[in-house]
N, C-alpha and C. Protein backbone atom coordinates (compact mmCIF):
# COMPACT_ATOMS: atom_id res chain seq x y z
N MET A 1 -67.74 92.97 -65.33
CA MET A 1 -66.35 92.93 -65.72
C MET A 1 -66.25 93.39 -67.16
N THR A 2 -65.34 94.26 -67.38
CA THR A 2 -65.20 94.82 -68.72
C THR A 2 -64.12 94.08 -69.46
N THR A 3 -64.05 94.34 -70.72
CA THR A 3 -63.06 93.69 -71.58
C THR A 3 -61.68 94.11 -71.22
N SER A 4 -61.48 95.30 -70.81
CA SER A 4 -60.14 95.74 -70.45
C SER A 4 -59.68 95.07 -69.17
N THR A 5 -60.61 94.79 -68.24
CA THR A 5 -60.25 94.14 -67.01
C THR A 5 -59.83 92.70 -67.29
N VAL A 6 -60.57 92.04 -68.15
CA VAL A 6 -60.25 90.65 -68.50
C VAL A 6 -58.91 90.59 -69.19
N SER A 7 -58.66 91.47 -70.16
CA SER A 7 -57.37 91.41 -70.86
C SER A 7 -56.23 91.81 -69.94
N SER A 8 -56.48 92.64 -68.93
CA SER A 8 -55.39 92.98 -68.01
C SER A 8 -55.07 91.79 -67.11
N ARG A 9 -56.08 91.00 -66.79
CA ARG A 9 -55.80 89.79 -65.99
C ARG A 9 -54.98 88.81 -66.80
N TRP A 10 -55.33 88.62 -68.05
CA TRP A 10 -54.58 87.68 -68.91
C TRP A 10 -53.18 88.20 -69.17
N ALA A 11 -53.05 89.47 -69.16
CA ALA A 11 -51.74 90.07 -69.39
C ALA A 11 -50.78 89.71 -68.26
N LEU A 12 -51.31 89.55 -67.06
CA LEU A 12 -50.46 89.16 -65.95
C LEU A 12 -49.94 87.72 -66.09
N LEU A 13 -50.68 86.87 -66.79
CA LEU A 13 -50.27 85.48 -66.95
C LEU A 13 -49.30 85.29 -68.10
N GLU A 14 -49.26 86.28 -68.99
CA GLU A 14 -48.34 86.15 -70.11
C GLU A 14 -46.93 86.42 -69.64
N PRO A 15 -45.93 85.68 -70.14
CA PRO A 15 -44.57 85.92 -69.70
C PRO A 15 -44.09 87.29 -70.14
N ILE A 16 -43.33 87.88 -69.32
CA ILE A 16 -42.73 89.16 -69.66
C ILE A 16 -41.49 88.85 -70.46
N PRO A 17 -41.27 89.59 -71.54
CA PRO A 17 -40.08 89.31 -72.35
C PRO A 17 -38.82 89.36 -71.50
N GLY A 18 -37.95 88.33 -71.68
CA GLY A 18 -36.69 88.25 -70.94
C GLY A 18 -36.82 87.44 -69.67
N ASP A 19 -38.03 87.19 -69.19
CA ASP A 19 -38.24 86.36 -68.00
C ASP A 19 -38.39 84.89 -68.41
N ALA A 20 -38.16 84.05 -67.47
CA ALA A 20 -38.34 82.62 -67.74
C ALA A 20 -39.83 82.32 -67.78
N ALA A 21 -40.14 81.22 -68.45
CA ALA A 21 -41.55 80.81 -68.55
C ALA A 21 -42.03 80.36 -67.18
N PRO A 22 -43.31 80.57 -66.87
CA PRO A 22 -43.80 80.19 -65.55
C PRO A 22 -43.72 78.66 -65.38
N ALA A 23 -43.40 78.20 -64.17
CA ALA A 23 -43.32 76.76 -63.89
C ALA A 23 -44.71 76.16 -63.92
N PRO A 24 -44.83 74.97 -64.51
CA PRO A 24 -46.15 74.34 -64.54
C PRO A 24 -46.57 73.96 -63.11
N ILE A 25 -47.82 74.05 -62.89
CA ILE A 25 -48.34 73.76 -61.57
C ILE A 25 -48.88 72.33 -61.57
N HIS A 26 -48.36 71.48 -60.66
CA HIS A 26 -48.85 70.09 -60.56
C HIS A 26 -49.58 69.96 -59.23
N PRO A 27 -50.67 69.27 -59.24
CA PRO A 27 -51.39 69.08 -57.99
C PRO A 27 -50.63 68.08 -57.10
N GLN A 28 -50.71 68.29 -55.80
CA GLN A 28 -50.09 67.37 -54.84
C GLN A 28 -50.85 66.05 -54.86
N PRO A 29 -50.12 64.88 -54.82
CA PRO A 29 -50.83 63.61 -54.82
C PRO A 29 -51.60 63.43 -53.51
N SER A 30 -52.77 62.92 -53.63
CA SER A 30 -53.59 62.67 -52.44
C SER A 30 -53.37 61.24 -52.00
N ALA A 31 -54.00 60.86 -50.90
CA ALA A 31 -53.85 59.53 -50.34
C ALA A 31 -54.35 58.45 -51.29
N THR A 32 -55.27 58.79 -52.14
CA THR A 32 -55.81 57.80 -53.08
C THR A 32 -54.98 57.67 -54.34
N ASP A 33 -54.01 58.57 -54.56
CA ASP A 33 -53.18 58.54 -55.78
C ASP A 33 -51.82 57.85 -55.54
N ARG A 34 -51.73 56.86 -54.65
CA ARG A 34 -50.46 56.19 -54.34
C ARG A 34 -49.95 55.43 -55.56
N CYS A 35 -48.60 55.31 -55.65
CA CYS A 35 -48.00 54.53 -56.73
C CYS A 35 -48.03 53.05 -56.33
N ALA A 36 -48.18 52.16 -57.29
CA ALA A 36 -48.22 50.74 -57.02
C ALA A 36 -47.67 50.00 -58.23
N PHE A 37 -47.39 48.70 -58.02
CA PHE A 37 -46.94 47.88 -59.13
C PHE A 37 -48.14 47.45 -59.96
N THR A 38 -47.89 47.36 -61.24
CA THR A 38 -48.96 46.89 -62.10
C THR A 38 -49.00 45.36 -62.05
N LEU A 39 -50.09 44.80 -62.46
CA LEU A 39 -50.25 43.36 -62.48
C LEU A 39 -49.18 42.72 -63.37
N LEU A 40 -48.85 43.35 -64.47
CA LEU A 40 -47.82 42.84 -65.37
C LEU A 40 -46.46 42.76 -64.69
N GLU A 41 -46.11 43.79 -63.95
CA GLU A 41 -44.81 43.80 -63.24
C GLU A 41 -44.76 42.69 -62.19
N VAL A 42 -45.84 42.51 -61.44
CA VAL A 42 -45.88 41.46 -60.43
C VAL A 42 -45.77 40.08 -61.08
N MET A 43 -46.42 39.88 -62.22
CA MET A 43 -46.35 38.59 -62.92
C MET A 43 -44.95 38.31 -63.44
N ILE A 44 -44.26 39.33 -63.94
CA ILE A 44 -42.90 39.14 -64.46
C ILE A 44 -41.95 38.77 -63.32
N VAL A 45 -42.05 39.47 -62.19
CA VAL A 45 -41.19 39.17 -61.06
C VAL A 45 -41.47 37.76 -60.54
N THR A 46 -42.73 37.37 -60.48
CA THR A 46 -43.08 36.02 -60.03
C THR A 46 -42.52 34.97 -60.98
N ALA A 47 -42.57 35.21 -62.27
CA ALA A 47 -42.04 34.26 -63.25
C ALA A 47 -40.52 34.14 -63.10
N ILE A 48 -39.83 35.26 -62.90
CA ILE A 48 -38.37 35.22 -62.72
C ILE A 48 -38.03 34.43 -61.45
N MET A 49 -38.75 34.67 -60.37
CA MET A 49 -38.50 33.93 -59.13
C MET A 49 -38.74 32.44 -59.33
N GLY A 50 -39.78 32.09 -60.09
CA GLY A 50 -40.06 30.68 -60.36
C GLY A 50 -38.94 30.01 -61.14
N VAL A 51 -38.40 30.70 -62.12
CA VAL A 51 -37.28 30.15 -62.91
C VAL A 51 -36.06 29.95 -62.03
N ILE A 52 -35.73 30.91 -61.19
CA ILE A 52 -34.56 30.80 -60.32
C ILE A 52 -34.75 29.65 -59.32
N MET A 53 -35.92 29.52 -58.75
CA MET A 53 -36.18 28.43 -57.81
C MET A 53 -36.11 27.08 -58.51
N THR A 54 -36.61 27.00 -59.72
CA THR A 54 -36.57 25.74 -60.46
C THR A 54 -35.13 25.33 -60.74
N MET A 55 -34.26 26.29 -61.03
CA MET A 55 -32.86 25.96 -61.28
C MET A 55 -32.17 25.52 -59.99
N GLY A 56 -32.62 25.95 -58.84
CA GLY A 56 -31.98 25.63 -57.58
C GLY A 56 -32.42 24.30 -56.97
N VAL A 57 -33.54 23.75 -57.41
CA VAL A 57 -34.07 22.52 -56.83
C VAL A 57 -33.09 21.34 -56.95
N PRO A 58 -32.49 21.08 -58.12
CA PRO A 58 -31.54 19.95 -58.18
C PRO A 58 -30.35 20.11 -57.23
N LEU A 59 -29.87 21.31 -57.08
CA LEU A 59 -28.74 21.55 -56.18
C LEU A 59 -29.12 21.24 -54.74
N VAL A 60 -30.27 21.74 -54.32
CA VAL A 60 -30.74 21.51 -52.95
C VAL A 60 -31.00 20.02 -52.75
N TYR A 61 -31.56 19.37 -53.74
CA TYR A 61 -31.81 17.93 -53.63
C TYR A 61 -30.53 17.15 -53.44
N ARG A 62 -29.48 17.51 -54.20
CA ARG A 62 -28.20 16.81 -54.09
C ARG A 62 -27.55 17.04 -52.72
N VAL A 63 -27.75 18.21 -52.15
CA VAL A 63 -27.16 18.49 -50.84
C VAL A 63 -27.84 17.62 -49.78
N TRP A 64 -29.16 17.50 -49.81
CA TRP A 64 -29.89 16.76 -48.78
C TRP A 64 -29.95 15.27 -49.03
N HIS A 65 -29.89 14.83 -50.28
CA HIS A 65 -29.99 13.42 -50.63
C HIS A 65 -28.72 13.00 -51.38
N LYS A 66 -27.68 12.70 -50.61
CA LYS A 66 -26.41 12.33 -51.24
C LYS A 66 -26.55 10.95 -51.86
N GLU A 67 -25.85 10.75 -52.97
CA GLU A 67 -25.83 9.43 -53.57
C GLU A 67 -25.07 8.51 -52.64
N PRO A 68 -25.32 7.20 -52.69
CA PRO A 68 -24.76 6.27 -51.71
C PRO A 68 -23.23 6.33 -51.58
N MET A 69 -22.49 6.40 -52.69
CA MET A 69 -21.02 6.39 -52.60
C MET A 69 -20.51 7.65 -51.92
N ARG A 70 -21.06 8.80 -52.31
CA ARG A 70 -20.64 10.05 -51.67
C ARG A 70 -20.95 10.07 -50.20
N LYS A 71 -22.12 9.54 -49.84
CA LYS A 71 -22.51 9.49 -48.43
C LYS A 71 -21.58 8.58 -47.65
N ALA A 72 -21.25 7.42 -48.19
CA ALA A 72 -20.37 6.48 -47.51
C ALA A 72 -18.98 7.10 -47.29
N VAL A 73 -18.44 7.74 -48.32
CA VAL A 73 -17.11 8.34 -48.21
C VAL A 73 -17.13 9.48 -47.19
N SER A 74 -18.14 10.34 -47.25
CA SER A 74 -18.17 11.46 -46.29
C SER A 74 -18.38 10.96 -44.86
N ASP A 75 -19.17 9.89 -44.68
CA ASP A 75 -19.38 9.35 -43.32
C ASP A 75 -18.08 8.78 -42.76
N VAL A 76 -17.33 8.02 -43.59
CA VAL A 76 -16.06 7.43 -43.13
C VAL A 76 -15.07 8.55 -42.76
N ILE A 77 -14.96 9.55 -43.60
CA ILE A 77 -14.02 10.64 -43.34
C ILE A 77 -14.43 11.39 -42.07
N GLU A 78 -15.72 11.58 -41.87
CA GLU A 78 -16.17 12.27 -40.66
C GLU A 78 -15.85 11.49 -39.40
N VAL A 79 -16.06 10.17 -39.41
CA VAL A 79 -15.75 9.35 -38.23
C VAL A 79 -14.24 9.36 -37.97
N LEU A 80 -13.44 9.20 -39.03
CA LEU A 80 -11.98 9.21 -38.87
C LEU A 80 -11.48 10.55 -38.35
N SER A 81 -12.02 11.64 -38.86
CA SER A 81 -11.62 12.98 -38.39
C SER A 81 -12.01 13.21 -36.94
N ASN A 82 -13.19 12.75 -36.57
CA ASN A 82 -13.61 12.90 -35.16
C ASN A 82 -12.75 12.06 -34.24
N ALA A 83 -12.35 10.87 -34.68
CA ALA A 83 -11.48 10.02 -33.84
C ALA A 83 -10.12 10.68 -33.65
N ARG A 84 -9.57 11.26 -34.72
CA ARG A 84 -8.28 11.96 -34.63
C ARG A 84 -8.38 13.13 -33.66
N ALA A 85 -9.43 13.93 -33.81
CA ALA A 85 -9.61 15.08 -32.91
C ALA A 85 -9.80 14.64 -31.48
N ARG A 86 -10.53 13.59 -31.28
CA ARG A 86 -10.78 13.07 -29.92
C ARG A 86 -9.46 12.62 -29.27
N ALA A 87 -8.60 11.93 -30.03
CA ALA A 87 -7.32 11.47 -29.50
C ALA A 87 -6.44 12.66 -29.12
N ILE A 88 -6.39 13.65 -29.97
CA ILE A 88 -5.54 14.82 -29.70
C ILE A 88 -6.07 15.64 -28.52
N LEU A 89 -7.36 15.89 -28.50
CA LEU A 89 -7.94 16.73 -27.45
C LEU A 89 -7.97 16.07 -26.08
N ARG A 90 -8.19 14.76 -26.06
CA ARG A 90 -8.24 14.05 -24.77
C ARG A 90 -6.88 13.55 -24.32
N GLY A 91 -5.93 13.51 -25.26
CA GLY A 91 -4.60 13.07 -24.89
C GLY A 91 -4.48 11.56 -24.68
N THR A 92 -5.41 10.80 -25.20
CA THR A 92 -5.39 9.34 -25.09
C THR A 92 -5.63 8.72 -26.46
N PRO A 93 -5.06 7.55 -26.71
CA PRO A 93 -5.31 6.89 -27.99
C PRO A 93 -6.81 6.60 -28.18
N THR A 94 -7.26 6.74 -29.39
CA THR A 94 -8.67 6.49 -29.73
C THR A 94 -8.69 5.49 -30.89
N GLN A 95 -9.63 4.56 -30.83
CA GLN A 95 -9.72 3.53 -31.85
C GLN A 95 -11.02 3.65 -32.63
N VAL A 96 -10.90 3.43 -33.94
CA VAL A 96 -12.09 3.30 -34.79
C VAL A 96 -12.22 1.82 -35.11
N VAL A 97 -13.40 1.27 -34.85
CA VAL A 97 -13.65 -0.14 -35.09
C VAL A 97 -14.45 -0.28 -36.38
N PHE A 98 -13.86 -0.93 -37.37
CA PHE A 98 -14.56 -1.24 -38.61
C PHE A 98 -15.18 -2.64 -38.48
N HIS A 99 -16.39 -2.78 -38.94
CA HIS A 99 -17.07 -4.09 -39.01
C HIS A 99 -17.34 -4.36 -40.49
N PRO A 100 -16.37 -4.96 -41.20
CA PRO A 100 -16.50 -5.12 -42.65
C PRO A 100 -17.72 -5.95 -43.06
N GLN A 101 -18.04 -6.98 -42.30
CA GLN A 101 -19.18 -7.84 -42.67
C GLN A 101 -20.51 -7.12 -42.49
N ALA A 102 -20.59 -6.27 -41.47
CA ALA A 102 -21.83 -5.52 -41.21
C ALA A 102 -21.88 -4.21 -41.98
N GLY A 103 -20.73 -3.79 -42.51
CA GLY A 103 -20.71 -2.52 -43.25
C GLY A 103 -20.87 -1.31 -42.36
N SER A 104 -20.20 -1.33 -41.21
CA SER A 104 -20.33 -0.21 -40.28
C SER A 104 -18.99 0.09 -39.64
N LEU A 105 -18.92 1.22 -38.96
CA LEU A 105 -17.74 1.62 -38.20
C LEU A 105 -18.17 2.57 -37.12
N GLU A 106 -17.39 2.60 -36.02
CA GLU A 106 -17.68 3.53 -34.94
C GLU A 106 -16.42 3.80 -34.14
N ILE A 107 -16.45 4.90 -33.41
CA ILE A 107 -15.36 5.21 -32.49
C ILE A 107 -15.61 4.38 -31.24
N GLU A 108 -14.61 3.61 -30.86
CA GLU A 108 -14.78 2.71 -29.71
C GLU A 108 -15.01 3.52 -28.44
N GLY A 109 -16.03 3.09 -27.69
CA GLY A 109 -16.35 3.75 -26.41
C GLY A 109 -17.16 5.03 -26.55
N ALA A 110 -17.47 5.45 -27.75
CA ALA A 110 -18.25 6.68 -27.95
C ALA A 110 -19.72 6.31 -28.14
N PRO A 111 -20.61 7.15 -27.68
CA PRO A 111 -22.02 6.87 -27.91
C PRO A 111 -22.35 6.96 -29.40
N SER A 112 -23.32 6.22 -29.83
CA SER A 112 -23.71 6.28 -31.25
C SER A 112 -24.25 7.68 -31.54
N GLY A 113 -23.87 8.17 -32.68
CA GLY A 113 -24.36 9.49 -33.05
C GLY A 113 -23.71 9.96 -34.31
N SER A 114 -24.14 11.08 -34.77
CA SER A 114 -23.61 11.65 -35.99
C SER A 114 -22.13 11.97 -35.85
N GLY A 115 -21.34 11.44 -36.76
CA GLY A 115 -19.92 11.71 -36.73
C GLY A 115 -19.12 10.77 -35.85
N LEU A 116 -19.81 9.97 -35.03
CA LEU A 116 -19.13 9.04 -34.13
C LEU A 116 -19.29 7.60 -34.61
N SER A 117 -20.26 7.37 -35.49
CA SER A 117 -20.48 6.04 -36.05
C SER A 117 -21.12 6.22 -37.41
N ALA A 118 -21.04 5.15 -38.22
CA ALA A 118 -21.64 5.21 -39.56
C ALA A 118 -22.00 3.82 -40.02
N GLN A 119 -23.01 3.76 -40.83
CA GLN A 119 -23.44 2.53 -41.49
C GLN A 119 -23.41 2.79 -42.99
N PHE A 120 -22.74 1.91 -43.76
CA PHE A 120 -22.68 2.13 -45.19
C PHE A 120 -24.07 1.97 -45.80
N PRO A 121 -24.41 2.83 -46.76
CA PRO A 121 -25.72 2.70 -47.42
C PRO A 121 -25.83 1.38 -48.17
N GLU A 122 -27.05 0.99 -48.43
CA GLU A 122 -27.28 -0.24 -49.17
C GLU A 122 -26.64 -0.12 -50.56
N GLY A 123 -26.01 -1.19 -51.00
CA GLY A 123 -25.36 -1.17 -52.31
C GLY A 123 -23.89 -0.80 -52.25
N ILE A 124 -23.37 -0.50 -51.07
CA ILE A 124 -21.94 -0.17 -50.89
C ILE A 124 -21.28 -1.33 -50.16
N ALA A 125 -20.19 -1.83 -50.74
CA ALA A 125 -19.45 -2.93 -50.12
C ALA A 125 -17.98 -2.56 -50.00
N ILE A 126 -17.31 -3.25 -49.10
CA ILE A 126 -15.87 -3.04 -48.90
C ILE A 126 -15.12 -3.99 -49.83
N ASP A 127 -14.31 -3.45 -50.73
CA ASP A 127 -13.46 -4.26 -51.59
C ASP A 127 -12.13 -4.59 -50.90
N MET A 128 -11.63 -3.63 -50.12
CA MET A 128 -10.35 -3.83 -49.46
C MET A 128 -10.32 -3.01 -48.20
N LEU A 129 -9.82 -3.62 -47.13
CA LEU A 129 -9.58 -2.90 -45.88
C LEU A 129 -8.26 -3.40 -45.34
N ASP A 130 -7.23 -2.61 -45.51
CA ASP A 130 -5.88 -2.92 -45.02
C ASP A 130 -5.55 -1.99 -43.87
N VAL A 131 -5.14 -2.57 -42.74
CA VAL A 131 -4.68 -1.79 -41.60
C VAL A 131 -3.28 -2.27 -41.28
N ASN A 132 -2.32 -1.39 -41.33
CA ASN A 132 -0.91 -1.72 -41.11
C ASN A 132 -0.47 -2.88 -42.00
N LEU A 133 -0.88 -2.80 -43.27
CA LEU A 133 -0.51 -3.76 -44.32
C LEU A 133 -1.07 -5.16 -44.11
N ALA A 134 -2.07 -5.32 -43.27
CA ALA A 134 -2.77 -6.60 -43.08
C ALA A 134 -4.20 -6.44 -43.59
N GLU A 135 -4.70 -7.46 -44.31
CA GLU A 135 -6.04 -7.41 -44.91
C GLU A 135 -7.09 -7.81 -43.87
N TYR A 136 -8.14 -6.98 -43.76
CA TYR A 136 -9.23 -7.23 -42.82
C TYR A 136 -10.60 -7.24 -43.49
N LYS A 137 -10.63 -7.39 -44.78
CA LYS A 137 -11.88 -7.33 -45.52
C LYS A 137 -12.90 -8.37 -45.04
N ASP A 138 -12.41 -9.59 -44.75
CA ASP A 138 -13.30 -10.66 -44.33
C ASP A 138 -13.35 -10.87 -42.83
N ALA A 139 -12.71 -10.00 -42.07
CA ALA A 139 -12.68 -10.13 -40.61
C ALA A 139 -13.98 -9.59 -40.01
N ASP A 140 -14.21 -9.98 -38.76
CA ASP A 140 -15.37 -9.46 -38.06
C ASP A 140 -15.17 -8.01 -37.64
N ALA A 141 -13.92 -7.68 -37.29
CA ALA A 141 -13.62 -6.32 -36.83
C ALA A 141 -12.17 -5.96 -37.17
N ALA A 142 -11.93 -4.72 -37.38
CA ALA A 142 -10.58 -4.20 -37.63
C ALA A 142 -10.44 -2.90 -36.84
N LEU A 143 -9.32 -2.73 -36.16
CA LEU A 143 -9.09 -1.53 -35.36
C LEU A 143 -8.10 -0.61 -36.03
N VAL A 144 -8.42 0.67 -36.06
CA VAL A 144 -7.51 1.71 -36.53
C VAL A 144 -7.30 2.66 -35.37
N ARG A 145 -6.03 2.80 -34.94
CA ARG A 145 -5.73 3.62 -33.78
C ARG A 145 -5.25 5.02 -34.17
N PHE A 146 -5.73 6.00 -33.41
CA PHE A 146 -5.27 7.39 -33.53
C PHE A 146 -4.59 7.76 -32.21
N TYR A 147 -3.45 8.44 -32.31
CA TYR A 147 -2.63 8.72 -31.14
C TYR A 147 -2.68 10.22 -30.81
N PRO A 148 -2.41 10.55 -29.54
CA PRO A 148 -2.48 11.96 -29.12
C PRO A 148 -1.53 12.90 -29.86
N ASN A 149 -0.45 12.37 -30.42
CA ASN A 149 0.48 13.25 -31.14
C ASN A 149 0.05 13.50 -32.59
N GLY A 150 -1.15 13.01 -32.97
CA GLY A 150 -1.71 13.26 -34.30
C GLY A 150 -1.41 12.17 -35.31
N THR A 151 -0.64 11.16 -34.94
CA THR A 151 -0.35 10.07 -35.88
C THR A 151 -1.44 8.99 -35.78
N CYS A 152 -1.37 8.02 -36.68
CA CYS A 152 -2.35 6.95 -36.66
C CYS A 152 -1.78 5.71 -37.33
N ASP A 153 -2.55 4.63 -37.28
CA ASP A 153 -2.19 3.43 -38.03
C ASP A 153 -2.35 3.69 -39.50
N GLU A 154 -1.62 2.91 -40.32
CA GLU A 154 -1.79 2.99 -41.77
C GLU A 154 -3.10 2.28 -42.12
N MET A 155 -3.90 2.90 -42.98
CA MET A 155 -5.16 2.28 -43.38
C MET A 155 -5.47 2.63 -44.82
N THR A 156 -5.93 1.63 -45.57
CA THR A 156 -6.43 1.84 -46.92
C THR A 156 -7.78 1.13 -47.01
N LEU A 157 -8.80 1.86 -47.38
CA LEU A 157 -10.15 1.33 -47.52
C LEU A 157 -10.62 1.59 -48.94
N ILE A 158 -11.11 0.56 -49.61
CA ILE A 158 -11.67 0.73 -50.95
C ILE A 158 -13.13 0.27 -50.93
N LEU A 159 -14.00 1.18 -51.31
CA LEU A 159 -15.44 0.92 -51.35
C LEU A 159 -15.88 0.71 -52.80
N HIS A 160 -16.89 -0.15 -52.97
CA HIS A 160 -17.40 -0.48 -54.29
C HIS A 160 -18.92 -0.37 -54.25
N SER A 161 -19.51 0.23 -55.29
CA SER A 161 -20.97 0.37 -55.31
C SER A 161 -21.60 -0.52 -56.39
N GLU A 162 -22.91 -0.65 -56.34
CA GLU A 162 -23.64 -1.42 -57.33
C GLU A 162 -23.50 -0.82 -58.74
N ARG A 163 -23.20 0.48 -58.80
CA ARG A 163 -23.03 1.17 -60.09
C ARG A 163 -21.61 1.04 -60.64
N ASN A 164 -20.83 0.17 -60.04
CA ASN A 164 -19.43 -0.03 -60.41
C ASN A 164 -18.54 1.16 -60.14
N GLU A 165 -18.90 1.98 -59.18
CA GLU A 165 -18.06 3.08 -58.75
C GLU A 165 -17.11 2.53 -57.68
N GLN A 166 -15.93 3.07 -57.67
CA GLN A 166 -14.98 2.73 -56.60
C GLN A 166 -14.36 4.00 -56.06
N ARG A 167 -14.20 4.04 -54.73
CA ARG A 167 -13.51 5.15 -54.10
C ARG A 167 -12.64 4.53 -53.00
N GLY A 168 -11.53 5.17 -52.79
CA GLY A 168 -10.64 4.72 -51.75
C GLY A 168 -10.42 5.81 -50.73
N ILE A 169 -10.11 5.42 -49.52
CA ILE A 169 -9.80 6.36 -48.46
C ILE A 169 -8.51 5.84 -47.79
N THR A 170 -7.54 6.72 -47.67
CA THR A 170 -6.30 6.35 -46.99
C THR A 170 -6.05 7.31 -45.85
N LEU A 171 -5.31 6.83 -44.87
CA LEU A 171 -4.89 7.68 -43.75
C LEU A 171 -3.40 7.92 -43.89
N GLU A 172 -3.01 9.16 -43.78
CA GLU A 172 -1.60 9.53 -43.81
C GLU A 172 -1.08 9.34 -42.39
N ILE A 173 -0.16 8.40 -42.19
CA ILE A 173 0.21 7.98 -40.84
C ILE A 173 0.88 9.07 -40.01
N THR A 174 1.57 9.99 -40.62
CA THR A 174 2.27 11.02 -39.82
C THR A 174 1.36 12.17 -39.38
N THR A 175 0.23 12.36 -40.07
CA THR A 175 -0.69 13.44 -39.67
C THR A 175 -2.05 12.90 -39.23
N GLY A 176 -2.37 11.67 -39.60
CA GLY A 176 -3.67 11.10 -39.25
C GLY A 176 -4.81 11.64 -40.07
N LEU A 177 -4.49 12.33 -41.16
CA LEU A 177 -5.53 12.92 -42.00
C LEU A 177 -5.97 11.95 -43.10
N ALA A 178 -7.25 11.93 -43.36
CA ALA A 178 -7.81 11.04 -44.39
C ALA A 178 -7.80 11.75 -45.74
N SER A 179 -7.56 10.99 -46.78
CA SER A 179 -7.66 11.53 -48.14
C SER A 179 -8.42 10.53 -49.00
N VAL A 180 -9.12 11.07 -49.98
CA VAL A 180 -9.97 10.27 -50.87
C VAL A 180 -9.22 9.96 -52.15
N LEU A 181 -9.28 8.70 -52.55
CA LEU A 181 -8.67 8.27 -53.80
C LEU A 181 -9.77 8.12 -54.84
N ASN A 182 -9.59 8.76 -55.99
CA ASN A 182 -10.56 8.61 -57.07
C ASN A 182 -10.17 7.41 -57.94
N GLU A 183 -10.89 7.22 -59.05
CA GLU A 183 -10.64 6.07 -59.93
C GLU A 183 -9.20 6.03 -60.44
N ASN A 184 -8.65 7.18 -60.82
CA ASN A 184 -7.26 7.21 -61.32
C ASN A 184 -6.27 6.84 -60.23
N ASP A 185 -6.48 7.33 -59.01
CA ASP A 185 -5.59 7.00 -57.90
C ASP A 185 -5.66 5.50 -57.59
N LEU A 186 -6.86 4.95 -57.68
CA LEU A 186 -7.02 3.52 -57.41
C LEU A 186 -6.28 2.69 -58.44
N GLN A 187 -6.31 3.12 -59.70
CA GLN A 187 -5.58 2.41 -60.75
C GLN A 187 -4.09 2.46 -60.48
N LYS A 188 -3.59 3.61 -60.05
CA LYS A 188 -2.19 3.74 -59.68
C LYS A 188 -1.85 2.83 -58.50
N LEU A 189 -2.76 2.72 -57.55
CA LEU A 189 -2.56 1.84 -56.39
C LEU A 189 -2.45 0.38 -56.84
N ARG A 190 -3.32 -0.02 -57.78
CA ARG A 190 -3.27 -1.39 -58.31
C ARG A 190 -1.97 -1.67 -59.04
N ASN A 191 -1.47 -0.62 -59.75
CA ASN A 191 -0.24 -0.79 -60.53
C ASN A 191 1.00 -0.64 -59.65
N GLY A 192 0.82 -0.25 -58.41
CA GLY A 192 1.95 -0.08 -57.50
C GLY A 192 2.70 1.22 -57.70
N THR A 193 2.09 2.20 -58.37
CA THR A 193 2.76 3.47 -58.59
C THR A 193 2.30 4.57 -57.65
N LEU A 194 1.38 4.27 -56.74
CA LEU A 194 0.90 5.29 -55.81
C LEU A 194 1.56 5.12 -54.46
C-alpha cells in the first residue's frame, strides 16, 4: 500500500465542504448490555416505600381496632339501621331489644350475627336509655319498635366510657334514622335546648 492510497482512503472519511458531518456510529447493545437499576436507586425506592408504609400503620390500626366508644356507637347504629331496613323490606314491625344491665342489644327474632346484635365493649356503660319518654336504664329489657312505613319509637341513648367520654344516639321518629350526639349536643340536651 502506498502513501497515496492511504491518503485517498482517509480523504473519503473527511467531510466534504458543505455536507453535514458524518453521524457517529454506535454499536448495537448485546444481550449482556441490558439496562438495570443501580443498587442506590433500589435502596432509595425501598426507603421511600418504608416511610410511606410507616405513616399508614396508625391509620390501618385505627380502622381495625376501634376504640371502645367508637365501636359501641357504630355497633348500635348498625343494629338500629338493620332493624329499620328489615321492617321496611319485610313489611312487618321489627323490634330492637336493649338489655341495659347486660350491655347488649339485638333485633328480636333475628339470629345472632354482625349487624343484628351487639355487645358493648368493656368500660362502656349506659347513662340513659329513654324510649317514648320513659326511662329504661335500670330495666332488664327495653323495646324499640320500627314500623314498615319507616317510622319508629322515640329513643335517646347516652353511653359513658371509663375515659369520661359521652356519646348519645337518638332516633328521629318520622324517618327512623339514628343520629349521633357529641359532647356539645349532650350539653344542649341537659339544658333542654336540643
